[in-house]
Amino acid sequence: MRIISGELKGKKLSVPLDKSTRPLRDMVRESIFNILDHSNKLSTEIYNSKVLDLFSGTGSFGIECLSRGAAEVIFFENYHNSLKILKQNIFNLKLENRSIVFDYSAYNLKEVNLEDRIFNIIFLDPPFKDMKIKSLIDQIKKLKVADENSLLVIHRNKKSEDNISQYLNVIDEKNYGLSKIFFCKLI
């Protein structure tokens, strides 16, 4: 797995050897960033943005944002093997000064003081079997870590029936293999 673009283009990311983590495939990540960079439907700038990467895994999404000039990424990961690799990737790429890693479940956002921050991009990549996405969206709204300009990018299994449009304004939706990507704003 490699960084696709930006100052770290071509740098390798470590990935876990176990099958408990589902890293975001390069093709899906590249497609997401092409849409972020070129879509007329979205008005989100990665450069100088603040990013919240939930269920970070090895950090490929957030690290890609940092490579493309994001000001700061806050990572949430609580699976020990992934957390260890995430921290290793950040250290190896010398991104500690623009990264904060929390060893918390993304469902415990309230445990961390994020209330003074508004994130430009929030990436949600829960396990495909996880069906609690609505409670996470509710926490994001309650904690006011997003506003009307914030973009939520949600990665789900294409067969999932999360009914995202009941909770968010879905601006775009794309399918890639087993993945379904939603680009959303708060309602």
C-alpha atoms as a PDB file:
ATOM      1  CA  MET A   1       0.000   0.000   0.000  1.00  0.00           C
ATOM      2  CA  ARG A   2       1.407   3.383  -1.056  1.00  0.00           C
ATOM      3  CA  ILE A   3       0.608   7.082  -0.768  1.00  0.00           C
ATOM      4  CA  ILE A   4      -1.003   8.117  -4.044  1.00  0.00           C
ATOM      5  CA  SER A   5      -0.214  11.825  -4.302  1.00  0.00           C
ATOM      6  CA  GLY A   6       1.290  14.852  -2.601  1.00  0.00           C
ATOM      7  CA  GLU A   7       4.547  15.372  -0.737  1.00  0.00           C
ATOM      8  CA  LEU A   8       4.707  11.698   0.311  1.00  0.00           C
ATOM      9  CA  LYS A   9       3.726  10.232  -3.070  1.00  0.00           C
ATOM     10  CA  GLY A  10       5.018   6.689  -3.505  1.00  0.00           C
ATOM     11  CA  LYS A  11       5.934   6.157   0.155  1.00  0.00           C
ATOM     12  CA  LYS A  12       4.948   2.763   1.513  1.00  0.00           C
ATOM     13  CA  LEU A  13       2.483   2.230   4.341  1.00  0.00           C
ATOM     14  CA  SER A  14       2.729  -0.765   6.629  1.00  0.00           C
ATOM     15  CA  VAL A  15      -0.385  -2.947   6.810  1.00  0.00           C
ATOM     16  CA  PRO A  16      -1.402  -5.609   9.337  1.00  0.00           C
ATOM     17  CA  LEU A  17      -0.757  -9.234   8.518  1.00  0.00           C
ATOM     18  CA  ASP A  18      -3.932 -10.433  10.224  1.00  0.00           C
ATOM     19  CA  LYS A  19      -7.324 -10.320   8.507  1.00  0.00           C
ATOM     20  CA  SER A  20      -9.080  -8.431  11.329  1.00  0.00           C
ATOM     21  CA  THR A  21      -8.483  -5.090   9.614  1.00  0.00           C
ATOM     22  CA  ARG A  22      -9.860  -4.200   6.186  1.00  0.00           C
ATOM     23  CA  PRO A  23      -7.467  -1.582   4.771  1.00  0.00           C
ATOM     24  CA  LEU A  24      -8.968   0.881   2.309  1.00  0.00           C
ATOM     25  CA  ARG A  25      -7.907  -0.438  -1.096  1.00  0.00           C
ATOM     26  CA  ASP A  26      -5.659   1.838  -3.150  1.00  0.00           C
ATOM     27  CA  MET A  27      -8.161   1.975  -6.018  1.00  0.00           C
ATOM     28  CA  VAL A  28     -11.005   3.048  -3.715  1.00  0.00           C
ATOM     29  CA  ARG A  29      -8.809   5.613  -1.946  1.00  0.00           C
ATOM     30  CA  GLU A  30      -7.616   7.012  -5.271  1.00  0.00           C
ATOM     31  CA  SER A  31     -11.220   7.269  -6.492  1.00  0.00           C
ATOM     32  CA  ILE A  32     -12.295   9.087  -3.324  1.00  0.00           C
ATOM     33  CA  PHE A  33      -9.502  11.627  -3.696  1.00  0.00           C
ATOM     34  CA  ASN A  34     -10.210  12.122  -7.413  1.00  0.00           C
ATOM     35  CA  ILE A  35     -13.789  12.996  -6.498  1.00  0.00           C
ATOM     36  CA  LEU A  36     -12.663  15.280  -3.649  1.00  0.00           C
ATOM     37  CA  ASP A  37     -10.261  17.065  -6.012  1.00  0.00           C
ATOM     38  CA  HIS A  38     -12.407  17.287  -9.153  1.00  0.00           C
ATOM     39  CA  SER A  39     -16.122  16.987  -8.404  1.00  0.00           C
ATOM     40  CA  ASN A  40     -18.296  20.005  -9.160  1.00  0.00           C
ATOM     41  CA  LYS A  41     -20.792  18.730  -6.577  1.00  0.00           C
ATOM     42  CA  LEU A  42     -18.387  19.058  -3.646  1.00  0.00           C
ATOM     43  CA  SER A  43     -16.761  22.218  -2.394  1.00  0.00           C
ATOM     44  CA  THR A  44     -14.138  20.712  -0.136  1.00  0.00           C
ATOM     45  CA  GLU A  45     -10.490  21.664  -0.136  1.00  0.00           C
ATOM     46  CA  ILE A  46      -8.009  19.158   1.315  1.00  0.00           C
ATOM     47  CA  TYR A  47      -5.138  21.639   1.532  1.00  0.00           C
ATOM     48  CA  ASN A  48      -4.999  23.240   4.993  1.00  0.00           C
ATOM     49  CA  SER A  49      -8.081  21.285   6.137  1.00  0.00           C
ATOM     50  CA  LYS A  50      -8.776  19.632   9.478  1.00  0.00           C
ATOM     51  CA  VAL A  51      -9.642  15.956   9.090  1.00  0.00           C
ATOM     52  CA  LEU A  52     -11.240  13.485  11.492  1.00  0.00           C
ATOM     53  CA  ASP A  53     -10.437   9.885  10.511  1.00  0.00           C
ATOM     54  CA  LEU A  54     -12.716   7.473  12.385  1.00  0.00           C
ATOM     55  CA  PHE A  55     -11.967   3.743  12.418  1.00  0.00           C
ATOM     56  CA  SER A  56      -8.550   4.745  11.054  1.00  0.00           C
ATOM     57  CA  GLY A  57      -7.046   1.297  10.693  1.00  0.00           C
ATOM     58  CA  THR A  58      -3.530   1.806   9.352  1.00  0.00           C
ATOM     59  CA  GLY A  59      -4.297   5.473   8.630  1.00  0.00           C
ATOM     60  CA  SER A  60      -4.224   5.386   4.837  1.00  0.00           C
ATOM     61  CA  PHE A  61      -7.022   7.943   4.382  1.00  0.00           C
ATOM     62  CA  GLY A  62      -5.756  10.451   6.940  1.00  0.00           C
ATOM     63  CA  ILE A  63      -2.129  10.056   5.885  1.00  0.00           C
ATOM     64  CA  GLU A  64      -3.151  10.636   2.262  1.00  0.00           C
ATOM     65  CA  CYS A  65      -4.841  13.864   3.418  1.00  0.00           C
ATOM     66  CA  LEU A  66      -1.644  14.932   5.208  1.00  0.00           C
ATOM     67  CA  SER A  67       0.403  14.170   2.100  1.00  0.00           C
ATOM     68  CA  ARG A  68      -1.945  16.427   0.132  1.00  0.00           C
ATOM     69  CA  GLY A  69      -1.478  19.309   2.576  1.00  0.00           C
ATOM     70  CA  ALA A  70      -4.119  18.863   5.293  1.00  0.00           C
ATOM     71  CA  ALA A  71      -3.217  20.957   8.338  1.00  0.00           C
ATOM     72  CA  GLU A  72      -4.142  18.282  10.879  1.00  0.00           C
ATOM     73  CA  VAL A  73      -5.639  14.806  11.092  1.00  0.00           C
ATOM     74  CA  ILE A  74      -7.097  13.289  14.226  1.00  0.00           C
ATOM     75  CA  PHE A  75      -7.170   9.496  14.094  1.00  0.00           C
ATOM     76  CA  PHE A  76      -9.423   7.200  16.155  1.00  0.00           C
ATOM     77  CA  GLU A  77      -8.448   3.532  16.307  1.00  0.00           C
ATOM     78  CA  ASN A  78      -8.782   1.075  19.164  1.00  0.00           C
ATOM     79  CA  TYR A  79      -7.830  -2.286  17.627  1.00  0.00           C
ATOM     80  CA  HIS A  80      -4.356  -2.932  19.065  1.00  0.00           C
ATOM     81  CA  ASN A  81      -2.711  -4.361  15.913  1.00  0.00           C
ATOM     82  CA  SER A  82      -3.998  -1.552  13.691  1.00  0.00           C
ATOM     83  CA  LEU A  83      -3.196   1.105  16.278  1.00  0.00           C
ATOM     84  CA  LYS A  84       0.408  -0.076  16.475  1.00  0.00           C
ATOM     85  CA  ILE A  85       0.788   0.075  12.675  1.00  0.00           C
ATOM     86  CA  LEU A  86      -0.991   3.448  12.479  1.00  0.00           C
ATOM     87  CA  LYS A  87       1.474   4.950  14.966  1.00  0.00           C
ATOM     88  CA  GLN A  88       4.368   3.318  13.112  1.00  0.00           C
ATOM     89  CA  ASN A  89       3.192   4.779   9.773  1.00  0.00           C
ATOM     90  CA  ILE A  90       2.874   8.268  11.267  1.00  0.00           C
ATOM     91  CA  PHE A  91       6.320   8.007  12.880  1.00  0.00           C
ATOM     92  CA  ASN A  92       8.025   6.593   9.756  1.00  0.00           C
ATOM     93  CA  LEU A  93       6.580   9.392   7.597  1.00  0.00           C
ATOM     94  CA  LYS A  94       7.445  12.082  10.193  1.00  0.00           C
ATOM     95  CA  LEU A  95       3.841  13.267  10.533  1.00  0.00           C
ATOM     96  CA  GLU A  96       3.657  13.476  14.347  1.00  0.00           C
ATOM     97  CA  ASN A  97       3.438  17.285  14.365  1.00  0.00           C
ATOM     98  CA  ARG A  98       0.242  17.253  12.267  1.00  0.00           C
ATOM     99  CA  SER A  99      -1.383  14.123  13.729  1.00  0.00           C
ATOM    100  CA  ILE A 100      -3.137  13.143  16.913  1.00  0.00           C
ATOM    101  CA  VAL A 101      -3.932   9.483  17.539  1.00  0.00           C
ATOM    102  CA  PHE A 102      -6.574   8.428  20.040  1.00  0.00           C
ATOM    103  CA  ASP A 103      -6.763   4.855  21.301  1.00  0.00           C
ATOM    104  CA  TYR A 104     -10.552   5.034  21.531  1.00  0.00           C
ATOM    105  CA  SER A 105     -13.471   3.533  19.737  1.00  0.00           C
ATOM    106  CA  ALA A 106     -14.940   6.024  17.289  1.00  0.00           C
ATOM    107  CA  TYR A 107     -18.199   5.528  19.171  1.00  0.00           C
ATOM    108  CA  ASN A 108     -16.586   7.228  22.175  1.00  0.00           C
ATOM    109  CA  LEU A 109     -15.958  10.614  20.566  1.00  0.00           C
ATOM    110  CA  LYS A 110     -17.406  12.270  23.655  1.00  0.00           C
ATOM    111  CA  GLU A 111     -14.486  10.887  25.717  1.00  0.00           C
ATOM    112  CA  VAL A 112     -12.131  13.289  23.938  1.00  0.00           C
ATOM    113  CA  ASN A 113     -12.482  17.048  23.961  1.00  0.00           C
ATOM    114  CA  LEU A 114     -13.188  17.752  20.288  1.00  0.00           C
ATOM    115  CA  GLU A 115     -15.882  20.330  20.885  1.00  0.00           C
ATOM    116  CA  ASP A 116     -13.670  23.304  20.025  1.00  0.00           C
ATOM    117  CA  ARG A 117     -12.910  21.910  16.580  1.00  0.00           C
ATOM    118  CA  ILE A 118     -14.857  21.949  13.357  1.00  0.00           C
ATOM    119  CA  PHE A 119     -13.560  19.397  10.879  1.00  0.00           C
ATOM    120  CA  ASN A 120     -13.627  20.083   7.149  1.00  0.00           C
ATOM    121  CA  ILE A 121     -13.602  16.362   6.310  1.00  0.00           C
ATOM    122  CA  ILE A 122     -14.791  13.467   8.445  1.00  0.00           C
ATOM    123  CA  PHE A 123     -14.015   9.987   7.162  1.00  0.00           C
ATOM    124  CA  LEU A 124     -16.064   7.119   8.598  1.00  0.00           C
ATOM    125  CA  ASP A 125     -14.937   3.599   7.766  1.00  0.00           C
ATOM    126  CA  PRO A 126     -16.550   1.290  10.338  1.00  0.00           C
ATOM    127  CA  PRO A 127     -16.382  -2.481   9.928  1.00  0.00           C
ATOM    128  CA  PHE A 128     -18.807  -3.557   7.209  1.00  0.00           C
ATOM    129  CA  LYS A 129     -20.812  -5.641   9.715  1.00  0.00           C
ATOM    130  CA  ASP A 130     -21.193  -2.667  12.064  1.00  0.00           C
ATOM    131  CA  MET A 131     -24.749  -1.342  11.938  1.00  0.00           C
ATOM    132  CA  LYS A 132     -24.439   1.527  14.468  1.00  0.00           C
ATOM    133  CA  ILE A 133     -23.609   4.256  11.963  1.00  0.00           C
ATOM    134  CA  LYS A 134     -26.625   6.352  12.968  1.00  0.00           C
ATOM    135  CA  SER A 135     -25.415   6.625  16.569  1.00  0.00           C
ATOM    136  CA  LEU A 136     -22.047   7.859  15.312  1.00  0.00           C
ATOM    137  CA  ILE A 137     -23.701  10.483  13.095  1.00  0.00           C
ATOM    138  CA  ASP A 138     -25.785  11.548  16.105  1.00  0.00           C
ATOM    139  CA  GLN A 139     -22.598  12.005  18.165  1.00  0.00           C
ATOM    140  CA  ILE A 140     -21.007  14.079  15.395  1.00  0.00           C
ATOM    141  CA  LYS A 141     -24.058  16.347  15.370  1.00  0.00           C
ATOM    142  CA  LYS A 142     -24.317  16.560  19.161  1.00  0.00           C
ATOM    143  CA  LEU A 143     -20.626  17.376  19.644  1.00  0.00           C
ATOM    144  CA  LYS A 144     -20.789  19.970  16.834  1.00  0.00           C
ATOM    145  CA  VAL A 145     -17.525  18.801  15.251  1.00  0.00           C
ATOM    146  CA  ALA A 146     -19.040  19.408  11.804  1.00  0.00           C
ATOM    147  CA  ASP A 147     -20.926  22.302  10.314  1.00  0.00           C
ATOM    148  CA  GLU A 148     -22.865  22.921   7.090  1.00  0.00           C
ATOM    149  CA  ASN A 149     -19.585  23.116   5.127  1.00  0.00           C
ATOM    150  CA  SER A 150     -18.106  19.887   6.508  1.00  0.00           C
ATOM    151  CA  LEU A 151     -17.981  16.863   4.241  1.00  0.00           C
ATOM    152  CA  LEU A 152     -18.606  13.382   5.615  1.00  0.00           C
ATOM    153  CA  VAL A 153     -17.137  10.558   3.536  1.00  0.00           C
ATOM    154  CA  ILE A 154     -18.572   7.183   4.521  1.00  0.00           C
ATOM    155  CA  HIS A 155     -17.225   3.803   3.373  1.00  0.00           C
ATOM    156  CA  ARG A 156     -19.703   0.926   3.549  1.00  0.00           C
ATOM    157  CA  ASN A 157     -20.284  -2.446   1.930  1.00  0.00           C
ATOM    158  CA  LYS A 158     -22.282  -1.964  -1.256  1.00  0.00           C
ATOM    159  CA  LYS A 159     -24.908  -4.409   0.063  1.00  0.00           C
ATOM    160  CA  SER A 160     -25.400  -2.573   3.350  1.00  0.00           C
ATOM    161  CA  GLU A 161     -28.758  -0.962   3.941  1.00  0.00           C
ATOM    162  CA  ASP A 162     -27.780   1.851   6.272  1.00  0.00           C
ATOM    163  CA  ASN A 163     -30.308   4.355   4.877  1.00  0.00           C
ATOM    164  CA  ILE A 164     -27.696   7.107   5.140  1.00  0.00           C
ATOM    165  CA  SER A 165     -30.029   9.543   3.358  1.00  0.00           C
ATOM    166  CA  GLN A 166     -32.352   9.515   6.391  1.00  0.00           C
ATOM    167  CA  TYR A 167     -29.625  11.114   8.522  1.00  0.00           C
ATOM    168  CA  LEU A 168     -27.492  13.071   6.046  1.00  0.00           C
ATOM    169  CA  ASN A 169     -27.767  14.954   2.782  1.00  0.00           C
ATOM    170  CA  VAL A 170     -26.123  12.540   0.314  1.00  0.00           C
ATOM    171  CA  ILE A 171     -24.417  14.627  -2.361  1.00  0.00           C
ATOM    172  CA  ASP A 172     -22.863  11.733  -4.260  1.00  0.00           C
ATOM    173  CA  GLU A 173     -22.627   7.963  -4.010  1.00  0.00           C
ATOM    174  CA  LYS A 174     -20.159   5.676  -5.809  1.00  0.00           C
ATOM    175  CA  ASN A 175     -19.639   1.914  -5.912  1.00  0.00           C
ATOM    176  CA  TYR A 176     -16.230   0.257  -6.332  1.00  0.00           C
ATOM    177  CA  GLY A 177     -16.177  -3.545  -6.107  1.00  0.00           C
ATOM    178  CA  LEU A 178     -17.552  -4.377  -2.651  1.00  0.00           C
ATOM    179  CA  SER A 179     -17.312  -0.755  -1.506  1.00  0.00           C
ATOM    180  CA  LYS A 180     -19.960   1.948  -1.487  1.00  0.00           C
ATOM    181  CA  ILE A 181     -18.779   5.503  -0.801  1.00  0.00           C
ATOM    182  CA  PHE A 182     -21.143   8.257   0.337  1.00  0.00           C
ATOM    183  CA  PHE A 183     -20.224  11.947   0.172  1.00  0.00           C
ATOM    184  CA  CYS A 184     -22.546  13.741   2.574  1.00  0.00           C
ATOM    185  CA  LYS A 185     -23.342  16.960   4.412  1.00  0.00           C
ATOM    186  CA  LEU A 186     -25.241  17.349   7.667  1.00  0.00           C
ATOM    187  CA  ILE A 187     -28.975  17.951   7.447  1.00  0.00           C
END
